[in-house]
Structures are given as structure tokens and as C-alpha cells.
């Protein structure tokens, strides 16, 4: 028995909320914890610290971003024929992609 779009709807919605929520939480953690620390460190020390730790940050953020965009896009695809959910799912997918695009452009 293969999965139909109807069967995928709820699990994809839950996965999207979870992944995009974790991505937002990680971005918030960076904003509330790391950015104040970075601002309080002299530039030379910041570059040294960031060079040593950026692979760890990337190792968390890249999979979260990819999973958030992937699940949101899959949800949008499954919801494309559902009246009322189509627009919401599309906005969620574009918002997740926007977060990743801005992060890649500004931070990377």
C-alpha cells in the first residue's frame, strides 16, 4: 500500500511545525546568547573564536534549515489542492526558504 497525499498531510504538517520551530529556536538562541557575547568581545578575539566554532554552528543550522525548507515545501506540495490550506502552506514554505536565504546571504 503506497502513501497517498491525504495520508501524508498530518505527519508533514507536524514535521514542518517541528522543523521550522527548531530552526526559529536556534536562530533565537543565536540572537539572545551568541550575538551579545560576540558584541562584547574584541574583534580579533571574535574572529579567533568564530573561526574555531563556526563549523559547530553550521553543523546545527544547515541541517535544520534544509529540513525546515524541505518539510515546508513537501507540505505545500501536498496541500496544493486543499482549499484554504494551500495559501498557508505556500507562505510557510516561502518563509522557511527566506530564513535560509537571508542566513546564507548575510551570515555565510
Protein backbone atom coordinates (compact mmCIF):
# COMPACT_ATOMS: atom_id res chain seq x y z
CA UNK A 1 0.00 0.00 0.00
CA UNK A 2 1.52 3.33 -1.00
CA UNK A 3 1.04 6.55 0.90
CA UNK A 4 -1.46 8.98 -0.57
CA UNK A 5 -1.31 12.75 -0.15
CA UNK A 6 -4.22 12.52 2.31
CA UNK A 7 -2.23 10.10 4.50
CA UNK A 8 0.83 12.39 4.42
CA UNK A 9 -0.99 15.57 5.34
CA UNK A 10 -0.89 15.42 9.13
CA UNK A 11 2.62 13.94 9.50
CA UNK A 12 4.00 16.56 7.11
CA UNK A 13 2.25 19.37 8.95
CA UNK A 14 3.67 18.15 12.26
CA UNK A 15 7.15 17.73 10.77
CA UNK A 16 7.03 21.23 9.26
CA UNK A 17 5.98 22.84 12.52
CA UNK A 18 8.65 20.92 14.40
CA UNK A 19 11.50 21.61 11.99
CA UNK A 20 10.70 25.27 11.36
CA UNK A 21 10.13 25.71 15.11
CA UNK A 22 13.54 24.24 15.88
CA UNK A 23 15.13 26.44 13.21
CA UNK A 24 13.46 29.51 14.72
CA UNK A 25 14.57 28.43 18.19
CA UNK A 26 18.16 28.04 17.03
CA UNK A 27 18.09 31.49 15.40
CA UNK A 28 16.63 32.94 18.61
CA UNK A 29 19.34 31.25 20.69
CA UNK A 30 22.00 32.80 18.49
CA UNK A 31 20.32 36.21 18.80
CA UNK A 32 19.89 36.07 22.58
CA UNK A 33 23.08 34.28 23.62
CA UNK A 34 25.78 34.42 20.97
CA UNK A 35 25.24 37.89 19.48
CA UNK A 36 25.58 39.67 22.86
CA UNK A 37 28.71 37.61 23.56
CA UNK A 38 30.13 38.43 20.13
CA UNK A 39 29.48 42.14 20.60
CA UNK A 40 31.34 42.13 23.90
CA UNK A 41 34.49 40.52 22.52
CA UNK A 42 37.26 42.50 20.81
CA UNK A 43 37.29 41.99 17.01
CA UNK A 44 40.49 39.95 16.93
CA UNK A 45 39.27 37.63 19.67
CA UNK A 46 35.87 37.32 17.94
CA UNK A 47 37.50 36.24 14.67
CA UNK A 48 39.53 33.62 16.51
CA UNK A 49 36.51 32.35 18.44
CA UNK A 50 34.28 32.33 15.38
CA UNK A 51 36.87 30.56 13.26
CA UNK A 52 37.12 27.84 15.89
CA UNK A 53 33.37 27.42 16.46
CA UNK A 54 31.65 28.26 13.17
CA UNK A 55 31.79 24.63 11.94
CA UNK A 56 29.74 23.62 15.00
CA UNK A 57 27.17 26.35 14.39
CA UNK A 58 26.99 25.38 10.72
CA UNK A 59 26.63 21.69 11.63
CA UNK A 60 23.44 22.56 13.51
CA UNK A 61 22.00 25.30 11.33
CA UNK A 62 22.44 23.75 7.87
CA UNK A 63 20.52 20.53 8.65
CA UNK A 64 17.81 22.50 10.48
CA UNK A 65 17.46 24.90 7.57
CA UNK A 66 17.40 22.14 4.97
CA UNK A 67 14.89 20.08 6.94
CA UNK A 68 12.69 23.12 7.60
CA UNK A 69 12.60 24.13 3.95
CA UNK A 70 12.21 20.52 2.80
CA UNK A 71 9.29 19.70 5.06
CA UNK A 72 7.60 23.05 4.37
CA UNK A 73 7.97 22.54 0.61
CA UNK A 74 6.63 18.99 0.86
CA UNK A 75 3.68 20.21 2.90
CA UNK A 76 2.98 22.94 0.35
CA UNK A 77 3.07 20.37 -2.44
CA UNK A 78 0.65 18.05 -0.63
CA UNK A 79 -1.64 20.93 0.33
CA UNK A 80 -1.66 22.44 -3.19
CA UNK A 81 -5.14 21.06 -3.87
CA UNK A 82 -6.60 21.76 -0.44
CA UNK A 83 -8.76 24.87 -0.36
CA UNK A 84 -7.73 27.18 2.48
CA UNK A 85 -4.55 25.30 3.38
CA UNK A 86 -2.87 25.95 0.03
CA UNK A 87 -2.03 29.59 0.75
CA UNK A 88 -0.93 28.98 4.32
CA UNK A 89 1.34 26.11 3.32
CA UNK A 90 2.84 28.18 0.48
CA UNK A 91 3.53 31.11 2.81
CA UNK A 92 5.19 28.74 5.31
CA UNK A 93 7.40 27.27 2.60
CA UNK A 94 8.42 30.70 1.28
CA UNK A 95 9.08 31.95 4.83
CA UNK A 96 11.31 28.97 5.64
CA UNK A 97 13.17 29.45 2.35
CA UNK A 98 13.51 33.16 3.14
CA UNK A 99 15.09 32.44 6.52
CA UNK A 100 17.62 30.15 4.89
CA UNK A 101 18.32 32.57 2.02
CA UNK A 102 18.88 35.51 4.35
CA UNK A 103 21.05 33.43 6.65
CA UNK A 104 23.19 32.21 3.76
CA UNK A 105 23.49 35.69 2.24
CA UNK A 106 24.17 37.63 5.45
CA UNK A 107 25.92 35.15 7.73
CA UNK A 108 27.81 32.96 5.34
